[in-house]
C-alpha atoms as a PDB file:
ATOM      1  CA  UNK A   1       0.029  -0.051  -0.045  1.00  0.00           C
ATOM      2  CA  UNK A   2       2.962   2.383   0.798  1.00  0.00           C
ATOM      3  CA  UNK A   3       4.556   1.808  -2.454  1.00  0.00           C
ATOM      4  CA  UNK A   4       1.115   2.537  -4.283  1.00  0.00           C
ATOM      5  CA  UNK A   5       0.742   5.828  -2.365  1.00  0.00           C
ATOM      6  CA  UNK A   6       4.322   6.929  -3.233  1.00  0.00           C
ATOM      7  CA  UNK A   7       3.667   6.069  -6.846  1.00  0.00           C
ATOM      8  CA  UNK A   8       0.295   8.065  -6.754  1.00  0.00           C
ATOM      9  CA  UNK A   9       1.991  11.130  -5.215  1.00  0.00           C
ATOM     10  CA  UNK A  10       4.773  11.159  -7.882  1.00  0.00           C
ATOM     11  CA  UNK A  11       2.168  10.849 -10.653  1.00  0.00           C
ATOM     12  CA  UNK A  12       0.083  13.644  -9.253  1.00  0.00           C
ATOM     13  CA  UNK A  13       3.195  15.913  -9.039  1.00  0.00           C
ATOM     14  CA  UNK A  14       4.176  15.340 -12.551  1.00  0.00           C
ATOM     15  CA  UNK A  15       0.338  16.199 -13.583  1.00  0.00           C
ATOM     16  CA  UNK A  16       0.588  19.214 -11.453  1.00  0.00           C
ATOM     17  CA  UNK A  17       3.730  20.512 -13.295  1.00  0.00           C
ATOM     18  CA  UNK A  18       2.180  19.846 -16.667  1.00  0.00           C
ATOM     19  CA  UNK A  19      -0.929  21.612 -15.540  1.00  0.00           C
ATOM     20  CA  UNK A  20       0.762  24.749 -14.292  1.00  0.00           C
ATOM     21  CA  UNK A  21       3.088  24.664 -17.284  1.00  0.00           C
ATOM     22  CA  UNK A  22      -0.059  24.902 -19.638  1.00  0.00           C
ATOM     23  CA  UNK A  23      -1.886  27.472 -17.359  1.00  0.00           C
ATOM     24  CA  UNK A  24       1.054  29.667 -16.845  1.00  0.00           C
ATOM     25  CA  UNK A  25       2.389  29.863 -20.347  1.00  0.00           C
ATOM     26  CA  UNK A  26       4.193  33.124 -20.898  1.00  0.00           C
ATOM     27  CA  UNK A  27       4.994  33.542 -17.144  1.00  0.00           C
ATOM     28  CA  UNK A  28       8.122  31.765 -17.207  1.00  0.00           C
ATOM     29  CA  UNK A  29       7.060  28.897 -15.064  1.00  0.00           C
ATOM     30  CA  UNK A  30      10.004  26.834 -13.737  1.00  0.00           C
ATOM     31  CA  UNK A  31       8.775  24.366 -11.142  1.00  0.00           C
ATOM     32  CA  UNK A  32       6.717  24.021  -7.898  1.00  0.00           C
ATOM     33  CA  UNK A  33       6.819  22.659  -4.454  1.00  0.00           C
ATOM     34  CA  UNK A  34       3.967  20.971  -2.546  1.00  0.00           C
ATOM     35  CA  UNK A  35       3.967  21.180   1.197  1.00  0.00           C
ATOM     36  CA  UNK A  36       1.246  19.557   3.239  1.00  0.00           C
ATOM     37  CA  UNK A  37       0.042  20.939   6.552  1.00  0.00           C
ATOM     38  CA  UNK A  38      -2.778  19.500   8.811  1.00  0.00           C
ATOM     39  CA  UNK A  39      -5.199  22.105   7.694  1.00  0.00           C
ATOM     40  CA  UNK A  40      -4.222  22.914   4.242  1.00  0.00           C
ATOM     41  CA  UNK A  41      -1.981  22.189   1.157  1.00  0.00           C
ATOM     42  CA  UNK A  42       0.781  24.789   0.406  1.00  0.00           C
ATOM     43  CA  UNK A  43       1.865  25.151  -3.332  1.00  0.00           C
ATOM     44  CA  UNK A  44       5.081  27.087  -3.884  1.00  0.00           C
ATOM     45  CA  UNK A  45       5.302  28.469  -7.723  1.00  0.00           C
ATOM     46  CA  UNK A  46       8.578  29.463  -8.929  1.00  0.00           C
ATOM     47  CA  UNK A  47       8.314  31.841 -12.060  1.00  0.00           C
ATOM     48  CA  UNK A  48      10.024  34.663 -13.825  1.00  0.00           C
ATOM     49  CA  UNK A  49       7.188  36.977 -13.965  1.00  0.00           C
ATOM     50  CA  UNK A  50       5.083  36.503 -10.817  1.00  0.00           C
ATOM     51  CA  UNK A  51       2.769  39.337 -11.791  1.00  0.00           C
ATOM     52  CA  UNK A  52       1.119  37.189 -14.426  1.00  0.00           C
ATOM     53  CA  UNK A  53       0.718  34.409 -11.964  1.00  0.00           C
ATOM     54  CA  UNK A  54      -0.942  36.475  -9.366  1.00  0.00           C
ATOM     55  CA  UNK A  55      -3.231  38.366 -11.744  1.00  0.00           C
ATOM     56  CA  UNK A  56      -5.117  41.763 -11.171  1.00  0.00           C
ATOM     57  CA  UNK A  57      -6.081  41.844  -7.510  1.00  0.00           C
ATOM     58  CA  UNK A  58      -5.174  38.198  -7.078  1.00  0.00           C
ATOM     59  CA  UNK A  59      -7.781  36.866  -9.698  1.00  0.00           C
ATOM     60  CA  UNK A  60      -5.457  34.428 -11.292  1.00  0.00           C
ATOM     61  CA  UNK A  61      -4.438  32.848  -7.808  1.00  0.00           C
ATOM     62  CA  UNK A  62      -8.053  32.421  -7.014  1.00  0.00           C
ATOM     63  CA  UNK A  63      -8.740  30.660 -10.321  1.00  0.00           C
ATOM     64  CA  UNK A  64      -5.675  28.469  -9.955  1.00  0.00           C
ATOM     65  CA  UNK A  65      -6.760  27.541  -6.269  1.00  0.00           C
ATOM     66  CA  UNK A  66     -10.249  26.394  -7.338  1.00  0.00           C
ATOM     67  CA  UNK A  67      -8.911  24.385 -10.215  1.00  0.00           C
ATOM     68  CA  UNK A  68      -6.321  22.534  -8.000  1.00  0.00           C
ATOM     69  CA  UNK A  69      -8.937  21.684  -5.512  1.00  0.00           C
ATOM     70  CA  UNK A  70     -11.154  20.201  -8.303  1.00  0.00           C
ATOM     71  CA  UNK A  71      -8.515  18.641 -10.447  1.00  0.00           C
ATOM     72  CA  UNK A  72      -6.058  17.131  -7.617  1.00  0.00           C
ATOM     73  CA  UNK A  73      -8.254  16.994  -4.528  1.00  0.00           C
ATOM     74  CA  UNK A  74      -6.005  19.400  -2.613  1.00  0.00           C
ATOM     75  CA  UNK A  75      -7.595  20.390   0.612  1.00  0.00           C
ATOM     76  CA  UNK A  76      -7.733  24.173   0.944  1.00  0.00           C
ATOM     77  CA  UNK A  77      -4.872  24.967  -1.427  1.00  0.00           C
ATOM     78  CA  UNK A  78      -2.575  27.990  -0.607  1.00  0.00           C
ATOM     79  CA  UNK A  79      -0.434  29.243  -3.490  1.00  0.00           C
ATOM     80  CA  UNK A  80       2.732  31.319  -2.895  1.00  0.00           C
ATOM     81  CA  UNK A  81       4.591  32.689  -5.785  1.00  0.00           C
ATOM     82  CA  UNK A  82       8.450  33.144  -5.734  1.00  0.00           C
ATOM     83  CA  UNK A  83      10.305  35.173  -8.372  1.00  0.00           C
ATOM     84  CA  UNK A  84      13.232  33.703 -10.308  1.00  0.00           C
ATOM     85  CA  UNK A  85      15.695  36.686 -10.272  1.00  0.00           C
ATOM     86  CA  UNK A  86      17.866  35.383 -13.185  1.00  0.00           C
ATOM     87  CA  UNK A  87      16.342  32.990 -15.628  1.00  0.00           C
ATOM     88  CA  UNK A  88      19.612  32.222 -17.382  1.00  0.00           C
ATOM     89  CA  UNK A  89      20.724  30.686 -14.200  1.00  0.00           C
ATOM     90  CA  UNK A  90      17.686  28.270 -13.817  1.00  0.00           C
ATOM     91  CA  UNK A  91      17.978  24.864 -15.593  1.00  0.00           C
ATOM     92  CA  UNK A  92      14.025  24.557 -16.168  1.00  0.00           C
ATOM     93  CA  UNK A  93      13.840  28.158 -17.606  1.00  0.00           C
ATOM     94  CA  UNK A  94      16.870  27.637 -19.971  1.00  0.00           C
ATOM     95  CA  UNK A  95      15.673  24.177 -21.246  1.00  0.00           C
ATOM     96  CA  UNK A  96      12.175  25.496 -21.969  1.00  0.00           C
ATOM     97  CA  UNK A  97      13.637  28.735 -23.774  1.00  0.00           C
ATOM     98  CA  UNK A  98      16.045  26.586 -25.891  1.00  0.00           C
ATOM     99  CA  UNK A  99      12.999  24.108 -26.809  1.00  0.00           C
ATOM    100  CA  UNK A 100      10.897  27.065 -27.783  1.00  0.00           C
ATOM    101  CA  UNK A 101      13.628  28.492 -30.023  1.00  0.00           C
ATOM    102  CA  UNK A 102      14.326  25.183 -31.789  1.00  0.00           C
ATOM    103  CA  UNK A 103      10.565  24.929 -32.393  1.00  0.00           C
ATOM    104  CA  UNK A 104      10.571  28.289 -34.202  1.00  0.00           C
ATOM    105  CA  UNK A 105      13.309  26.986 -36.522  1.00  0.00           C
ATOM    106  CA  UNK A 106      16.593  28.005 -34.645  1.00  0.00           C
ATOM    107  CA  UNK A 107      19.787  26.224 -35.660  1.00  0.00           C
ATOM    108  CA  UNK A 108      21.081  24.031 -32.814  1.00  0.00           C
ATOM    109  CA  UNK A 109      24.619  25.340 -32.673  1.00  0.00           C
ATOM    110  CA  UNK A 110      23.448  29.014 -32.570  1.00  0.00           C
ATOM    111  CA  UNK A 111      20.940  28.354 -29.841  1.00  0.00           C
ATOM    112  CA  UNK A 112      23.592  26.377 -27.815  1.00  0.00           C
ATOM    113  CA  UNK A 113      26.254  28.947 -27.938  1.00  0.00           C
ATOM    114  CA  UNK A 114      23.892  31.770 -27.253  1.00  0.00           C
ATOM    115  CA  UNK A 115      22.544  30.352 -24.098  1.00  0.00           C
ATOM    116  CA  UNK A 116      26.053  29.025 -23.013  1.00  0.00           C
ATOM    117  CA  UNK A 117      27.269  32.777 -23.173  1.00  0.00           C
ATOM    118  CA  UNK A 118      24.223  33.943 -21.384  1.00  0.00           C
ATOM    119  CA  UNK A 119      24.662  31.395 -18.536  1.00  0.00           C
ATOM    120  CA  UNK A 120      28.408  32.569 -18.126  1.00  0.00           C
ATOM    121  CA  UNK A 121      27.265  36.136 -17.961  1.00  0.00           C
ATOM    122  CA  UNK A 122      24.586  35.035 -15.176  1.00  0.00           C
ATOM    123  CA  UNK A 123      27.573  33.943 -13.173  1.00  0.00           C
ATOM    124  CA  UNK A 124      26.976  30.181 -12.802  1.00  0.00           C
ATOM    125  CA  UNK A 125      29.986  28.041 -11.858  1.00  0.00           C
ATOM    126  CA  UNK A 126      29.546  25.578 -14.937  1.00  0.00           C
ATOM    127  CA  UNK A 127      26.861  24.301 -17.318  1.00  0.00           C
ATOM    128  CA  UNK A 128      26.347  21.553 -19.762  1.00  0.00           C
ATOM    129  CA  UNK A 129      23.968  21.493 -22.616  1.00  0.00           C
ATOM    130  CA  UNK A 130      22.955  18.588 -24.847  1.00  0.00           C
ATOM    131  CA  UNK A 131      20.686  18.830 -27.825  1.00  0.00           C
ATOM    132  CA  UNK A 132      19.813  15.525 -29.478  1.00  0.00           C
ATOM    133  CA  UNK A 133      17.718  14.471 -32.418  1.00  0.00           C
ATOM    134  CA  UNK A 134      17.361  15.364 -36.102  1.00  0.00           C
ATOM    135  CA  UNK A 135      19.086  18.543 -36.209  1.00  0.00           C
ATOM    136  CA  UNK A 136      20.084  18.418 -39.805  1.00  0.00           C
ATOM    137  CA  UNK A 137      19.552  15.657 -42.281  1.00  0.00           C
ATOM    138  CA  UNK A 138      17.831  12.364 -41.747  1.00  0.00           C
ATOM    139  CA  UNK A 139      20.334  10.935 -39.091  1.00  0.00           C
ATOM    140  CA  UNK A 140      20.108  12.114 -35.664  1.00  0.00           C
ATOM    141  CA  UNK A 141      23.115  13.386 -33.825  1.00  0.00           C
ATOM    142  CA  UNK A 142      23.977  15.102 -30.540  1.00  0.00           C
ATOM    143  CA  UNK A 143      25.518  18.551 -30.046  1.00  0.00           C
ATOM    144  CA  UNK A 144      27.096  19.077 -26.553  1.00  0.00           C
ATOM    145  CA  UNK A 145      28.173  22.367 -25.068  1.00  0.00           C
ATOM    146  CA  UNK A 146      29.836  23.012 -21.748  1.00  0.00           C
ATOM    147  CA  UNK A 147      31.962  25.434 -19.647  1.00  0.00           C
ATOM    148  CA  UNK A 148      33.308  25.697 -16.221  1.00  0.00           C
ATOM    149  CA  UNK A 149      32.967  23.017 -13.613  1.00  0.00           C
ATOM    150  CA  UNK A 150      29.962  20.619 -13.289  1.00  0.00           C
ATOM    151  CA  UNK A 151      29.965  17.570 -11.070  1.00  0.00           C
ATOM    152  CA  UNK A 152      28.461  14.572 -12.828  1.00  0.00           C
ATOM    153  CA  UNK A 153      28.180  11.972  -9.994  1.00  0.00           C
ATOM    154  CA  UNK A 154      27.998  11.513  -6.108  1.00  0.00           C
ATOM    155  CA  UNK A 155      26.165  13.374  -3.635  1.00  0.00           C
ATOM    156  CA  UNK A 156      27.469  16.828  -4.838  1.00  0.00           C
ATOM    157  CA  UNK A 157      25.819  16.098  -8.152  1.00  0.00           C
ATOM    158  CA  UNK A 158      22.445  15.548  -6.434  1.00  0.00           C
ATOM    159  CA  UNK A 159      22.670  18.667  -4.195  1.00  0.00           C
ATOM    160  CA  UNK A 160      24.423  21.102  -5.942  1.00  0.00           C
ATOM    161  CA  UNK A 161      23.648  20.416  -9.726  1.00  0.00           C
ATOM    162  CA  UNK A 162      20.061  21.314 -11.052  1.00  0.00           C
ATOM    163  CA  UNK A 163      18.822  19.347 -13.942  1.00  0.00           C
ATOM    164  CA  UNK A 164      16.280  19.864 -16.570  1.00  0.00           C
ATOM    165  CA  UNK A 165      14.894  17.986 -19.561  1.00  0.00           C
ATOM    166  CA  UNK A 166      12.598  19.588 -22.330  1.00  0.00           C
ATOM    167  CA  UNK A 167      11.274  18.199 -25.612  1.00  0.00           C
ATOM    168  CA  UNK A 168      11.250  20.435 -28.705  1.00  0.00           C
ATOM    169  CA  UNK A 169       8.655  19.126 -31.183  1.00  0.00           C
ATOM    170  CA  UNK A 170       9.817  20.253 -34.712  1.00  0.00           C
ATOM    171  CA  UNK A 171       8.773  19.056 -38.282  1.00  0.00           C
ATOM    172  CA  UNK A 172      11.681  16.655 -38.739  1.00  0.00           C
ATOM    173  CA  UNK A 173      10.935  15.028 -35.414  1.00  0.00           C
ATOM    174  CA  UNK A 174      11.408  15.485 -31.608  1.00  0.00           C
ATOM    175  CA  UNK A 175      14.540  17.146 -30.244  1.00  0.00           C
ATOM    176  CA  UNK A 176      15.615  16.384 -26.605  1.00  0.00           C
ATOM    177  CA  UNK A 177      17.125  19.339 -24.640  1.00  0.00           C
ATOM    178  CA  UNK A 178      18.985  18.481 -21.396  1.00  0.00           C
ATOM    179  CA  UNK A 179      20.466  21.122 -19.189  1.00  0.00           C
ATOM    180  CA  UNK A 180      22.719  20.770 -16.208  1.00  0.00           C
ATOM    181  CA  UNK A 181      23.760  23.850 -14.121  1.00  0.00           C
ATOM    182  CA  UNK A 182      26.320  23.867 -11.131  1.00  0.00           C
ATOM    183  CA  UNK A 183      24.508  26.086  -8.784  1.00  0.00           C
ATOM    184  CA  UNK A 184      26.896  26.243  -5.890  1.00  0.00           C
ATOM    185  CA  UNK A 185      30.177  24.542  -4.689  1.00  0.00           C
ATOM    186  CA  UNK A 186      30.076  22.109  -1.704  1.00  0.00           C
ATOM    187  CA  UNK A 187      31.264  23.307   1.660  1.00  0.00           C
ATOM    188  CA  UNK A 188      34.498  21.375   1.424  1.00  0.00           C
ATOM    189  CA  UNK A 189      35.559  23.247  -1.837  1.00  0.00           C
ATOM    190  CA  UNK A 190      34.910  26.810  -0.558  1.00  0.00           C
ATOM    191  CA  UNK A 191      38.139  26.989   1.569  1.00  0.00           C
ATOM    192  CA  UNK A 192      41.497  26.233   0.078  1.00  0.00           C
ATOM    193  CA  UNK A 193      43.827  23.846   1.642  1.00  0.00           C
ATOM    194  CA  UNK A 194      46.464  26.636   2.233  1.00  0.00           C
ATOM    195  CA  UNK A 195      43.898  28.773   4.057  1.00  0.00           C
ATOM    196  CA  UNK A 196      42.902  25.775   6.452  1.00  0.00           C
ATOM    197  CA  UNK A 197      46.544  25.090   6.921  1.00  0.00           C
ATOM    198  CA  UNK A 198      47.095  28.769   8.087  1.00  0.00           C
ATOM    199  CA  UNK A 199      44.121  28.703  10.218  1.00  0.00           C
ATOM    200  CA  UNK A 200      45.319  25.551  12.180  1.00  0.00           C
ATOM    201  CA  UNK A 201      48.624  27.102  12.405  1.00  0.00           C
ATOM    202  CA  UNK A 202      47.449  30.328  14.063  1.00  0.00           C
ATOM    203  CA  UNK A 203      45.017  28.440  16.390  1.00  0.00           C
ATOM    204  CA  UNK A 204      47.807  26.109  17.770  1.00  0.00           C
ATOM    205  CA  UNK A 205      50.929  28.270  17.671  1.00  0.00           C
ATOM    206  CA  UNK A 206      51.007  32.009  19.156  1.00  0.00           C
ATOM    207  CA  UNK A 207      52.758  34.660  17.141  1.00  0.00           C
ATOM    208  CA  UNK A 208      55.705  34.836  19.693  1.00  0.00           C
ATOM    209  CA  UNK A 209      56.328  31.012  19.452  1.00  0.00           C
ATOM    210  CA  UNK A 210      55.911  31.134  15.767  1.00  0.00           C
ATOM    211  CA  UNK A 211      58.716  33.927  15.527  1.00  0.00           C
ATOM    212  CA  UNK A 212      60.966  31.938  17.864  1.00  0.00           C
ATOM    213  CA  UNK A 213      60.559  28.635  15.770  1.00  0.00           C
ATOM    214  CA  UNK A 214      61.348  30.733  12.534  1.00  0.00           C
ATOM    215  CA  UNK A 215      64.507  32.066  13.852  1.00  0.00           C
ATOM    216  CA  UNK A 216      65.606  28.581  15.030  1.00  0.00           C
ATOM    217  CA  UNK A 217      64.885  27.276  11.579  1.00  0.00           C
ATOM    218  CA  UNK A 218      67.071  29.925  10.185  1.00  0.00           C
ATOM    219  CA  UNK A 219      69.845  28.876  12.369  1.00  0.00           C
ATOM    220  CA  UNK A 220      69.707  25.222  11.108  1.00  0.00           C
ATOM    221  CA  UNK A 221      69.627  26.604   7.381  1.00  0.00           C
ATOM    222  CA  UNK A 222      72.846  28.522   8.019  1.00  0.00           C
ATOM    223  CA  UNK A 223      74.570  25.292   9.469  1.00  0.00           C
ATOM    224  CA  UNK A 224      73.526  23.181   6.532  1.00  0.00           C
ATOM    225  CA  UNK A 225      75.631  23.142   3.541  1.00  0.00           C
ATOM    226  CA  UNK A 226      72.829  21.873   1.142  1.00  0.00           C
ATOM    227  CA  UNK A 227      69.193  20.583   0.889  1.00  0.00           C
ATOM    228  CA  UNK A 228      69.932  16.906   1.159  1.00  0.00           C
ATOM    229  CA  UNK A 229      68.169  15.040   3.885  1.00  0.00           C
ATOM    230  CA  UNK A 230      71.311  13.644   5.358  1.00  0.00           C
ATOM    231  CA  UNK A 231      72.981  17.236   5.653  1.00  0.00           C
ATOM    232  CA  UNK A 232      69.705  18.777   7.116  1.00  0.00           C
ATOM    233  CA  UNK A 233      69.670  16.021   9.674  1.00  0.00           C
ATOM    234  CA  UNK A 234      73.188  16.748  10.627  1.00  0.00           C
ATOM    235  CA  UNK A 235      72.607  20.381  10.897  1.00  0.00           C
ATOM    236  CA  UNK A 236      69.504  19.704  13.111  1.00  0.00           C
ATOM    237  CA  UNK A 237      71.550  17.512  15.482  1.00  0.00           C
ATOM    238  CA  UNK A 238      74.539  19.778  15.527  1.00  0.00           C
ATOM    239  CA  UNK A 239      72.398  22.796  16.488  1.00  0.00           C
ATOM    240  CA  UNK A 240      70.351  20.728  18.876  1.00  0.00           C
ATOM    241  CA  UNK A 241      73.084  21.164  21.435  1.00  0.00           C
ATOM    242  CA  UNK A 242      72.442  24.897  21.650  1.00  0.00           C
ATOM    243  CA  UNK A 243      68.695  25.316  20.664  1.00  0.00           C
ATOM    244  CA  UNK A 244      65.578  23.346  20.748  1.00  0.00           C
ATOM    245  CA  UNK A 245      65.061  21.365  17.513  1.00  0.00           C
ATOM    246  CA  UNK A 246      62.503  18.725  18.547  1.00  0.00           C
ATOM    247  CA  UNK A 247      59.806  20.507  16.858  1.00  0.00           C
ATOM    248  CA  UNK A 248      61.701  21.229  13.606  1.00  0.00           C
ATOM    249  CA  UNK A 249      61.210  18.910  10.478  1.00  0.00           C
ATOM    250  CA  UNK A 250      63.295  18.232   7.570  1.00  0.00           C
ATOM    251  CA  UNK A 251      60.461  19.675   5.256  1.00  0.00           C
ATOM    252  CA  UNK A 252      60.324  22.937   7.267  1.00  0.00           C
ATOM    253  CA  UNK A 253      64.056  23.487   6.810  1.00  0.00           C
ATOM    254  CA  UNK A 254      63.954  22.498   3.052  1.00  0.00           C
ATOM    255  CA  UNK A 255      61.044  25.181   2.553  1.00  0.00           C
ATOM    256  CA  UNK A 256      63.300  27.846   4.280  1.00  0.00           C
ATOM    257  CA  UNK A 257      66.297  26.818   2.228  1.00  0.00           C
ATOM    258  CA  UNK A 258      64.199  27.195  -1.096  1.00  0.00           C
ATOM    259  CA  UNK A 259      62.808  30.679  -0.001  1.00  0.00           C
ATOM    260  CA  UNK A 260      66.418  31.743   0.708  1.00  0.00           C
ATOM    261  CA  UNK A 261      67.612  30.774  -2.747  1.00  0.00           C
ATOM    262  CA  UNK A 262      64.667  32.500  -4.315  1.00  0.00           C
ATOM    263  CA  UNK A 263      65.410  35.721  -2.431  1.00  0.00           C
ATOM    264  CA  UNK A 264      69.191  35.513  -3.614  1.00  0.00           C
ATOM    265  CA  UNK A 265      68.089  34.783  -7.220  1.00  0.00           C
ATOM    266  CA  UNK A 266      65.801  38.003  -7.213  1.00  0.00           C
ATOM    267  CA  UNK A 267      68.366  40.065  -5.800  1.00  0.00           C
ATOM    268  CA  UNK A 268      70.909  38.931  -8.555  1.00  0.00           C
ATOM    269  CA  UNK A 269      68.360  39.545 -11.151  1.00  0.00           C
ATOM    270  CA  UNK A 270      67.682  43.078  -9.963  1.00  0.00           C
ATOM    271  CA  UNK A 271      71.413  43.821 -10.008  1.00  0.00           C
ATOM    272  CA  UNK A 272      71.809  42.490 -13.543  1.00  0.00           C
ATOM    273  CA  UNK A 273      68.958  44.587 -14.751  1.00  0.00           C
ATOM    274  CA  UNK A 274      70.280  47.708 -13.059  1.00  0.00           C
ATOM    275  CA  UNK A 275      73.654  47.249 -14.694  1.00  0.00           C
ATOM    276  CA  UNK A 276      72.398  46.951 -18.349  1.00  0.00           C
ATOM    277  CA  UNK A 277      70.036  49.770 -19.092  1.00  0.00           C
ATOM    278  CA  UNK A 278      68.063  49.748 -22.163  1.00  0.00           C
ATOM    279  CA  UNK A 279      68.171  52.466 -24.914  1.00  0.00           C
ATOM    280  CA  UNK A 280      64.998  54.271 -25.805  1.00  0.00           C
ATOM    281  CA  UNK A 281      64.596  52.446 -29.175  1.00  0.00           C
ATOM    282  CA  UNK A 282      65.114  49.129 -27.457  1.00  0.00           C
ATOM    283  CA  UNK A 283      62.487  49.895 -24.829  1.00  0.00           C
ATOM    284  CA  UNK A 284      59.940  51.002 -27.295  1.00  0.00           C
ATOM    285  CA  UNK A 285      60.544  48.044 -29.473  1.00  0.00           C
ATOM    286  CA  UNK A 286      60.074  45.724 -26.439  1.00  0.00           C
ATOM    287  CA  UNK A 287      56.766  47.623 -25.562  1.00  0.00           C
ATOM    288  CA  UNK A 288      55.381  47.354 -29.016  1.00  0.00           C
ATOM    289  CA  UNK A 289      56.335  43.854 -29.773  1.00  0.00           C
ATOM    290  CA  UNK A 290      54.209  42.046 -27.176  1.00  0.00           C
ATOM    291  CA  UNK A 291      51.175  44.003 -28.238  1.00  0.00           C
ATOM    292  CA  UNK A 292      51.740  42.932 -31.931  1.00  0.00           C
ATOM    293  CA  UNK A 293      52.249  39.326 -31.050  1.00  0.00           C
ATOM    294  CA  UNK A 294      49.239  39.319 -28.698  1.00  0.00           C
ATOM    295  CA  UNK A 295      47.002  40.585 -31.581  1.00  0.00           C
ATOM    296  CA  UNK A 296      48.371  38.030 -33.962  1.00  0.00           C
ATOM    297  CA  UNK A 297      47.812  35.404 -31.457  1.00  0.00           C
ATOM    298  CA  UNK A 298      44.306  36.354 -30.713  1.00  0.00           C
ATOM    299  CA  UNK A 299      43.616  36.462 -34.627  1.00  0.00           C
ATOM    300  CA  UNK A 300      45.080  33.039 -35.217  1.00  0.00           C
ATOM    301  CA  UNK A 301      43.242  31.572 -32.115  1.00  0.00           C
ATOM    302  CA  UNK A 302      39.878  33.206 -33.399  1.00  0.00           C
ATOM    303  CA  UNK A 303      40.299  31.747 -36.813  1.00  0.00           C
ATOM    304  CA  UNK A 304      41.134  28.224 -35.696  1.00  0.00           C
ATOM    305  CA  UNK A 305      38.190  28.296 -33.363  1.00  0.00           C
ATOM    306  CA  UNK A 306      36.170  29.365 -36.490  1.00  0.00           C
ATOM    307  CA  UNK A 307      37.326  26.716 -38.659  1.00  0.00           C
ATOM    308  CA  UNK A 308      36.923  24.012 -36.010  1.00  0.00           C
ATOM    309  CA  UNK A 309      33.321  25.104 -35.612  1.00  0.00           C
ATOM    310  CA  UNK A 310      32.812  24.894 -39.397  1.00  0.00           C
ATOM    311  CA  UNK A 311      34.198  21.463 -39.817  1.00  0.00           C
ATOM    312  CA  UNK A 312      32.364  19.999 -36.823  1.00  0.00           C
ATOM    313  CA  UNK A 313      28.998  19.972 -38.792  1.00  0.00           C
ATOM    314  CA  UNK A 314      27.922  18.166 -41.727  1.00  0.00           C
ATOM    315  CA  UNK A 315      29.979  18.245 -45.066  1.00  0.00           C
ATOM    316  CA  UNK A 316      27.213  20.264 -46.925  1.00  0.00           C
ATOM    317  CA  UNK A 317      26.951  22.795 -44.074  1.00  0.00           C
ATOM    318  CA  UNK A 318      30.692  23.254 -43.878  1.00  0.00           C
ATOM    319  CA  UNK A 319      31.077  23.737 -47.685  1.00  0.00           C
ATOM    320  CA  UNK A 320      28.106  26.295 -47.554  1.00  0.00           C
ATOM    321  CA  UNK A 321      29.885  27.991 -44.637  1.00  0.00           C
ATOM    322  CA  UNK A 322      33.271  28.152 -46.584  1.00  0.00           C
ATOM    323  CA  UNK A 323      31.592  29.509 -49.723  1.00  0.00           C
ATOM    324  CA  UNK A 324      30.282  32.343 -47.746  1.00  0.00           C
ATOM    325  CA  UNK A 325      33.790  33.343 -46.470  1.00  0.00           C
ATOM    326  CA  UNK A 326      35.551  36.094 -48.174  1.00  0.00           C
ATOM    327  CA  UNK A 327      39.188  34.693 -48.038  1.00  0.00           C
ATOM    328  CA  UNK A 328      39.119  31.068 -46.534  1.00  0.00           C
ATOM    329  CA  UNK A 329      42.429  29.416 -45.443  1.00  0.00           C
ATOM    330  CA  UNK A 330      42.036  26.089 -46.991  1.00  0.00           C
ATOM    331  CA  UNK A 331      45.147  24.642 -45.355  1.00  0.00           C
ATOM    332  CA  UNK A 332      43.923  25.676 -41.977  1.00  0.00           C
ATOM    333  CA  UNK A 333      40.518  24.033 -42.878  1.00  0.00           C
ATOM    334  CA  UNK A 334      42.268  20.910 -43.837  1.00  0.00           C
ATOM    335  CA  UNK A 335      44.282  20.694 -40.495  1.00  0.00           C
ATOM    336  CA  UNK A 336      41.086  21.222 -38.561  1.00  0.00           C
ATOM    337  CA  UNK A 337      39.171  18.435 -40.489  1.00  0.00           C
ATOM    338  CA  UNK A 338      42.045  16.006 -40.118  1.00  0.00           C
ATOM    339  CA  UNK A 339      42.217  16.780 -36.356  1.00  0.00           C
ATOM    340  CA  UNK A 340      38.350  16.490 -35.871  1.00  0.00           C
ATOM    341  CA  UNK A 341      36.626  13.899 -37.998  1.00  0.00           C
ATOM    342  CA  UNK A 342      39.128  13.238 -40.967  1.00  0.00           C
ATOM    343  CA  UNK A 343      36.289  12.404 -43.606  1.00  0.00           C
ATOM    344  CA  UNK A 344      37.932  11.086 -46.705  1.00  0.00           C
ATOM    345  CA  UNK A 345      35.621  12.780 -49.192  1.00  0.00           C
ATOM    346  CA  UNK A 346      35.901  16.248 -47.290  1.00  0.00           C
ATOM    347  CA  UNK A 347      39.639  15.964 -47.167  1.00  0.00           C
ATOM    348  CA  UNK A 348      40.019  15.271 -50.955  1.00  0.00           C
ATOM    349  CA  UNK A 349      37.812  18.284 -51.561  1.00  0.00           C
ATOM    350  CA  UNK A 350      39.881  20.578 -49.343  1.00  0.00           C
ATOM    351  CA  UNK A 351      43.034  19.190 -50.901  1.00  0.00           C
ATOM    352  CA  UNK A 352      41.898  20.118 -54.312  1.00  0.00           C
ATOM    353  CA  UNK A 353      41.029  23.574 -53.019  1.00  0.00           C
ATOM    354  CA  UNK A 354      44.405  23.788 -51.675  1.00  0.00           C
END
């Protein structure tokens, strides 16, 4: 009996979501939560435009309450509306928006990259998009878009990742849209290991003791001739006759050794720079060269990304895109094709163009 009740509650929740999605079309409906109390049933609706859900003078809320009471047998339903501040950071809203755009004839890659950019601007930690179906041609394929950090398994995936799925019904066939957004990092990832180590260090050792320990480590460093373990142990034993060395470890001495060498190297570099002043022409050339190199690197990276995106689609789409270009670099396109799919017919066509 209990299993049957759980199944009935789950089915009713699904029907409620479908009902609200139809009734609140245009209000940016995302999802709802149902909370039962001894005297009533509280339904919390999350939407982008709560004004359309409430209606003038609460008329829409009253209609929804009556419909829910008749349709789903809710006892005295109380509706609460919460506004979604940024729809581009909500998985349900993004999935529905992408599905609507695809139904209107939008191209899958353009839609995917557009919403990926919008989610970045919304400030989410990471996101993944999957668009699957007959995107072009008779054969179905999947386009995946992602950025940032998204946990795919474990308890973190359940608690910190919001997921949504929507179906776009187009003329060639149904297209599935999956969205995964990393809403927040787990607590153990908010603090870095270095910060935790410093916190523990300050809690267990006072400032005076820390300064005393640092000076004792410096004495051991001055005694040691190199950073080998045997030499450091010898220095600790020799200095142990005069100072306390029981709390000094080999790694502490080695870290101090490295810090000392880095300081000496920096001082030597500053001296060499001060000894060899540059002429005005050399300094101007050094300032202008990095800017030109950076501009060339940015242009080459942009061209490579564009060519990689062109050859990632079908051969017919790629040829159309190449013909639309003013001065295509066929050698770069050939390299991108060989690195990506390496299709024989397309490679032969590009080699002829070259």
